[in-house]
Amino acid sequence: MRVVLQRVTEAQVEVEGKIVGQIQGPGLVALVGITHDDGEAEINKLAEKTLNQRIFEGEKSASDLGAPVLAISQFTLYADMKKGRRPSWSKAAPGPISEPLYEQYVEKLRELGARVETGIFGAEMKVSLTNDGPVTLILDSEDLL
């Protein structure tokens, strides 16, 4: 599992011209990619890491501030670009596997106390944000478990 975190002052996601998720900062945008062997351990660890990174002013975390999270599914985080000019998506888990795990990640964030907005899984989305800092971090379960 991979999560790209961006500290933001505001963010929103649109599907077919309608805003389906929106946060006002300080907050986080979490782009979430799932691979084939991800499960509950990865979900729990990365949700906890998402909320507890001390990346806000005063070395505070999203959890400390009650900062909102905009979580967006992003299978392209598992693109393999080693060969040619066309990425391979074979490392990304297919929708029937990744959608429930993405939903579990969102639910775990909520269980941990976060207010979470989302996009629509599998939809063509337009994400806009104002990155604060800029601060962008990559959490990868391979590095954490």
C-alpha atoms as a PDB file:
ATOM      1  CA  MET A   1       0.000   0.000   0.000  1.00  0.00           C
ATOM      2  CA  ARG A   2       1.204   3.478  -0.821  1.00  0.00           C
ATOM      3  CA  VAL A   3      -0.126   6.770   0.431  1.00  0.00           C
ATOM      4  CA  VAL A   4       1.104  10.101  -0.891  1.00  0.00           C
ATOM      5  CA  LEU A   5       0.339  12.741   1.743  1.00  0.00           C
ATOM      6  CA  GLN A   6       0.139  16.412   0.965  1.00  0.00           C
ATOM      7  CA  ARG A   7      -0.306  19.048   3.644  1.00  0.00           C
ATOM      8  CA  VAL A   8      -2.902  21.473   2.326  1.00  0.00           C
ATOM      9  CA  THR A   9      -4.753  24.640   3.189  1.00  0.00           C
ATOM     10  CA  GLU A  10      -7.720  23.520   1.064  1.00  0.00           C
ATOM     11  CA  ALA A  11      -8.637  20.764  -1.368  1.00  0.00           C
ATOM     12  CA  GLN A  12     -11.563  19.429  -3.343  1.00  0.00           C
ATOM     13  CA  VAL A  13     -12.427  16.662  -5.759  1.00  0.00           C
ATOM     14  CA  GLU A  14     -14.915  16.901  -8.620  1.00  0.00           C
ATOM     15  CA  VAL A  15     -16.646  14.165 -10.580  1.00  0.00           C
ATOM     16  CA  GLU A  16     -18.577  15.137 -13.706  1.00  0.00           C
ATOM     17  CA  GLY A  17     -18.393  18.817 -12.741  1.00  0.00           C
ATOM     18  CA  LYS A  18     -19.792  18.324  -9.217  1.00  0.00           C
ATOM     19  CA  ILE A  19     -17.794  18.686  -6.014  1.00  0.00           C
ATOM     20  CA  VAL A  20     -18.043  15.347  -4.199  1.00  0.00           C
ATOM     21  CA  GLY A  21     -15.463  15.980  -1.460  1.00  0.00           C
ATOM     22  CA  GLN A  22     -13.961  19.136  -0.018  1.00  0.00           C
ATOM     23  CA  ILE A  23     -11.845  20.165   2.972  1.00  0.00           C
ATOM     24  CA  GLN A  24     -10.586  23.427   4.387  1.00  0.00           C
ATOM     25  CA  GLY A  25      -7.201  23.306   6.037  1.00  0.00           C
ATOM     26  CA  PRO A  26      -5.033  22.843   7.638  1.00  0.00           C
ATOM     27  CA  GLY A  27      -5.569  19.332   6.397  1.00  0.00           C
ATOM     28  CA  LEU A  28      -4.231  16.450   4.358  1.00  0.00           C
ATOM     29  CA  VAL A  29      -4.819  15.028   0.926  1.00  0.00           C
ATOM     30  CA  ALA A  30      -4.097  11.295   0.916  1.00  0.00           C
ATOM     31  CA  LEU A  31      -3.665   9.646  -2.487  1.00  0.00           C
ATOM     32  CA  VAL A  32      -4.100   5.922  -1.808  1.00  0.00           C
ATOM     33  CA  GLY A  33      -2.741   3.055  -3.919  1.00  0.00           C
ATOM     34  CA  ILE A  34      -3.381  -0.619  -3.181  1.00  0.00           C
ATOM     35  CA  THR A  35      -1.320  -3.559  -4.415  1.00  0.00           C
ATOM     36  CA  HIS A  36      -2.145  -7.288  -4.544  1.00  0.00           C
ATOM     37  CA  ASP A  37      -0.910  -8.434  -1.152  1.00  0.00           C
ATOM     38  CA  ASP A  38      -2.271  -5.569   0.966  1.00  0.00           C
ATOM     39  CA  GLY A  39      -4.546  -6.346   3.870  1.00  0.00           C
ATOM     40  CA  GLU A  40      -5.626  -5.274   7.339  1.00  0.00           C
ATOM     41  CA  ALA A  41      -2.081  -4.832   8.711  1.00  0.00           C
ATOM     42  CA  GLU A  42      -1.159  -2.411   5.924  1.00  0.00           C
ATOM     43  CA  ILE A  43      -4.454  -0.513   6.255  1.00  0.00           C
ATOM     44  CA  ASN A  44      -4.106  -0.079  10.014  1.00  0.00           C
ATOM     45  CA  LYS A  45      -0.447   0.952   9.909  1.00  0.00           C
ATOM     46  CA  LEU A  46      -0.806   3.481   7.108  1.00  0.00           C
ATOM     47  CA  ALA A  47      -3.989   5.012   8.534  1.00  0.00           C
ATOM     48  CA  GLU A  48      -2.217   5.513  11.859  1.00  0.00           C
ATOM     49  CA  LYS A  49       0.845   6.949  10.089  1.00  0.00           C
ATOM     50  CA  THR A  50      -1.360   9.268   8.014  1.00  0.00           C
ATOM     51  CA  LEU A  51      -2.886  10.896  11.061  1.00  0.00           C
ATOM     52  CA  ASN A  52       0.172  10.970  13.308  1.00  0.00           C
ATOM     53  CA  GLN A  53       2.920  12.440  11.131  1.00  0.00           C
ATOM     54  CA  ARG A  54       4.086  15.613  12.880  1.00  0.00           C
ATOM     55  CA  ILE A  55       4.141  17.768   9.746  1.00  0.00           C
ATOM     56  CA  PHE A  56       2.070  20.762  10.830  1.00  0.00           C
ATOM     57  CA  GLU A  57       3.253  23.947  12.517  1.00  0.00           C
ATOM     58  CA  GLY A  58       4.573  23.358  16.014  1.00  0.00           C
ATOM     59  CA  GLU A  59       5.376  19.722  15.154  1.00  0.00           C
ATOM     60  CA  LYS A  60       1.712  18.805  15.421  1.00  0.00           C
ATOM     61  CA  SER A  61      -0.044  16.000  13.589  1.00  0.00           C
ATOM     62  CA  ALA A  62      -3.410  15.897  11.846  1.00  0.00           C
ATOM     63  CA  SER A  63      -4.630  13.959  14.872  1.00  0.00           C
ATOM     64  CA  ASP A  64      -3.420  16.686  17.256  1.00  0.00           C
ATOM     65  CA  LEU A  65      -5.201  19.390  15.231  1.00  0.00           C
ATOM     66  CA  GLY A  66      -8.326  17.482  14.282  1.00  0.00           C
ATOM     67  CA  ALA A  67      -7.320  18.267  10.694  1.00  0.00           C
ATOM     68  CA  PRO A  68      -9.540  16.856   7.937  1.00  0.00           C
ATOM     69  CA  VAL A  69      -8.378  14.367   5.307  1.00  0.00           C
ATOM     70  CA  LEU A  70      -9.406  14.159   1.652  1.00  0.00           C
ATOM     71  CA  ALA A  71      -8.718  10.530   0.649  1.00  0.00           C
ATOM     72  CA  ILE A  72      -8.537   9.734  -3.069  1.00  0.00           C
ATOM     73  CA  SER A  73      -8.045   6.278  -4.590  1.00  0.00           C
ATOM     74  CA  GLN A  74      -5.045   6.345  -6.943  1.00  0.00           C
ATOM     75  CA  PHE A  75      -4.081   3.092  -8.652  1.00  0.00           C
ATOM     76  CA  THR A  76      -1.418   4.932 -10.671  1.00  0.00           C
ATOM     77  CA  LEU A  77       0.818   4.981  -7.574  1.00  0.00           C
ATOM     78  CA  TYR A  78       1.734   1.435  -8.592  1.00  0.00           C
ATOM     79  CA  ALA A  79       2.707   2.269 -12.172  1.00  0.00           C
ATOM     80  CA  ASP A  80       5.695   0.319 -13.463  1.00  0.00           C
ATOM     81  CA  MET A  81       7.628   2.463 -15.927  1.00  0.00           C
ATOM     82  CA  LYS A  82      10.748   0.355 -16.348  1.00  0.00           C
ATOM     83  CA  LYS A  83      10.087  -0.583 -19.965  1.00  0.00           C
ATOM     84  CA  GLY A  84       9.024   1.504 -22.912  1.00  0.00           C
ATOM     85  CA  ARG A  85       6.842   4.586 -22.752  1.00  0.00           C
ATOM     86  CA  ARG A  86       3.580   3.028 -21.599  1.00  0.00           C
ATOM     87  CA  PRO A  87       3.221   2.359 -17.858  1.00  0.00           C
ATOM     88  CA  SER A  88       2.174  -1.084 -16.710  1.00  0.00           C
ATOM     89  CA  TRP A  89      -0.529  -1.250 -14.046  1.00  0.00           C
ATOM     90  CA  SER A  90       0.074  -4.918 -13.141  1.00  0.00           C
ATOM     91  CA  LYS A  91       1.280  -4.069  -9.615  1.00  0.00           C
ATOM     92  CA  ALA A  92      -1.975  -2.238  -8.800  1.00  0.00           C
ATOM     93  CA  ALA A  93      -4.680  -4.431  -7.323  1.00  0.00           C
ATOM     94  CA  PRO A  94      -7.835  -4.605  -9.478  1.00  0.00           C
ATOM     95  CA  GLY A  95     -10.963  -2.766  -8.367  1.00  0.00           C
ATOM     96  CA  PRO A  96     -12.750  -5.730  -6.732  1.00  0.00           C
ATOM     97  CA  ILE A  97      -9.724  -6.154  -4.439  1.00  0.00           C
ATOM     98  CA  SER A  98      -8.643  -2.548  -3.965  1.00  0.00           C
ATOM     99  CA  GLU A  99     -12.023  -0.853  -3.464  1.00  0.00           C
ATOM    100  CA  PRO A 100     -12.885  -2.651  -0.195  1.00  0.00           C
ATOM    101  CA  LEU A 101      -9.355  -2.031   1.105  1.00  0.00           C
ATOM    102  CA  TYR A 102      -9.532   1.663   0.196  1.00  0.00           C
ATOM    103  CA  GLU A 103     -12.899   1.843   2.011  1.00  0.00           C
ATOM    104  CA  GLN A 104     -11.332   0.124   5.044  1.00  0.00           C
ATOM    105  CA  TYR A 105      -8.542   2.729   5.068  1.00  0.00           C
ATOM    106  CA  VAL A 106     -11.128   5.533   5.036  1.00  0.00           C
ATOM    107  CA  GLU A 107     -13.115   3.832   7.805  1.00  0.00           C
ATOM    108  CA  LYS A 108      -9.959   3.306   9.891  1.00  0.00           C
ATOM    109  CA  LEU A 109      -9.135   7.023   9.599  1.00  0.00           C
ATOM    110  CA  ARG A 110     -12.645   7.774  10.859  1.00  0.00           C
ATOM    111  CA  GLU A 111     -12.308   5.282  13.713  1.00  0.00           C
ATOM    112  CA  LEU A 112      -9.127   7.104  14.706  1.00  0.00           C
ATOM    113  CA  GLY A 113     -11.124  10.347  14.914  1.00  0.00           C
ATOM    114  CA  ALA A 114     -10.526  12.008  11.544  1.00  0.00           C
ATOM    115  CA  ARG A 115     -13.132  13.817   9.500  1.00  0.00           C
ATOM    116  CA  VAL A 116     -12.648  12.247   6.073  1.00  0.00           C
ATOM    117  CA  GLU A 117     -13.980  13.336   2.697  1.00  0.00           C
ATOM    118  CA  THR A 118     -13.510  11.145  -0.377  1.00  0.00           C
ATOM    119  CA  GLY A 119     -13.764  11.036  -4.112  1.00  0.00           C
ATOM    120  CA  ILE A 120     -15.639   8.289  -5.944  1.00  0.00           C
ATOM    121  CA  PHE A 121     -13.705   5.063  -6.381  1.00  0.00           C
ATOM    122  CA  GLY A 122     -12.928   4.329 -10.032  1.00  0.00           C
ATOM    123  CA  ALA A 123     -14.359   7.616 -11.302  1.00  0.00           C
ATOM    124  CA  GLU A 124     -12.537  10.135 -13.459  1.00  0.00           C
ATOM    125  CA  MET A 125     -11.763  12.791 -10.838  1.00  0.00           C
ATOM    126  CA  LYS A 126     -10.411  16.313 -10.870  1.00  0.00           C
ATOM    127  CA  VAL A 127      -8.492  17.014  -7.674  1.00  0.00           C
ATOM    128  CA  SER A 128      -7.465  20.544  -6.823  1.00  0.00           C
ATOM    129  CA  LEU A 129      -5.521  21.610  -3.782  1.00  0.00           C
ATOM    130  CA  THR A 130      -3.299  24.234  -2.308  1.00  0.00           C
ATOM    131  CA  ASN A 131      -0.199  22.445  -1.057  1.00  0.00           C
ATOM    132  CA  ASP A 132       1.058  24.076   2.135  1.00  0.00           C
ATOM    133  CA  GLY A 133       4.830  24.303   2.451  1.00  0.00           C
ATOM    134  CA  PRO A 134       4.954  22.510   0.066  1.00  0.00           C
ATOM    135  CA  VAL A 135       4.932  19.333   2.129  1.00  0.00           C
ATOM    136  CA  THR A 136       4.528  16.023   0.270  1.00  0.00           C
ATOM    137  CA  LEU A 137       5.431  12.660   1.830  1.00  0.00           C
ATOM    138  CA  ILE A 138       5.278   9.074   0.602  1.00  0.00           C
ATOM    139  CA  LEU A 139       4.214   6.319   2.988  1.00  0.00           C
ATOM    140  CA  ASP A 140       4.870   2.806   1.678  1.00  0.00           C
ATOM    141  CA  SER A 141       3.867  -0.296   3.627  1.00  0.00           C
ATOM    142  CA  GLU A 142       6.973  -2.076   2.327  1.00  0.00           C
ATOM    143  CA  ASP A 143       9.065   0.405   4.321  1.00  0.00           C
ATOM    144  CA  LEU A 144       6.932   0.260   7.470  1.00  0.00           C
ATOM    145  CA  LEU A 145       6.017  -3.378   8.156  1.00  0.00           C
END
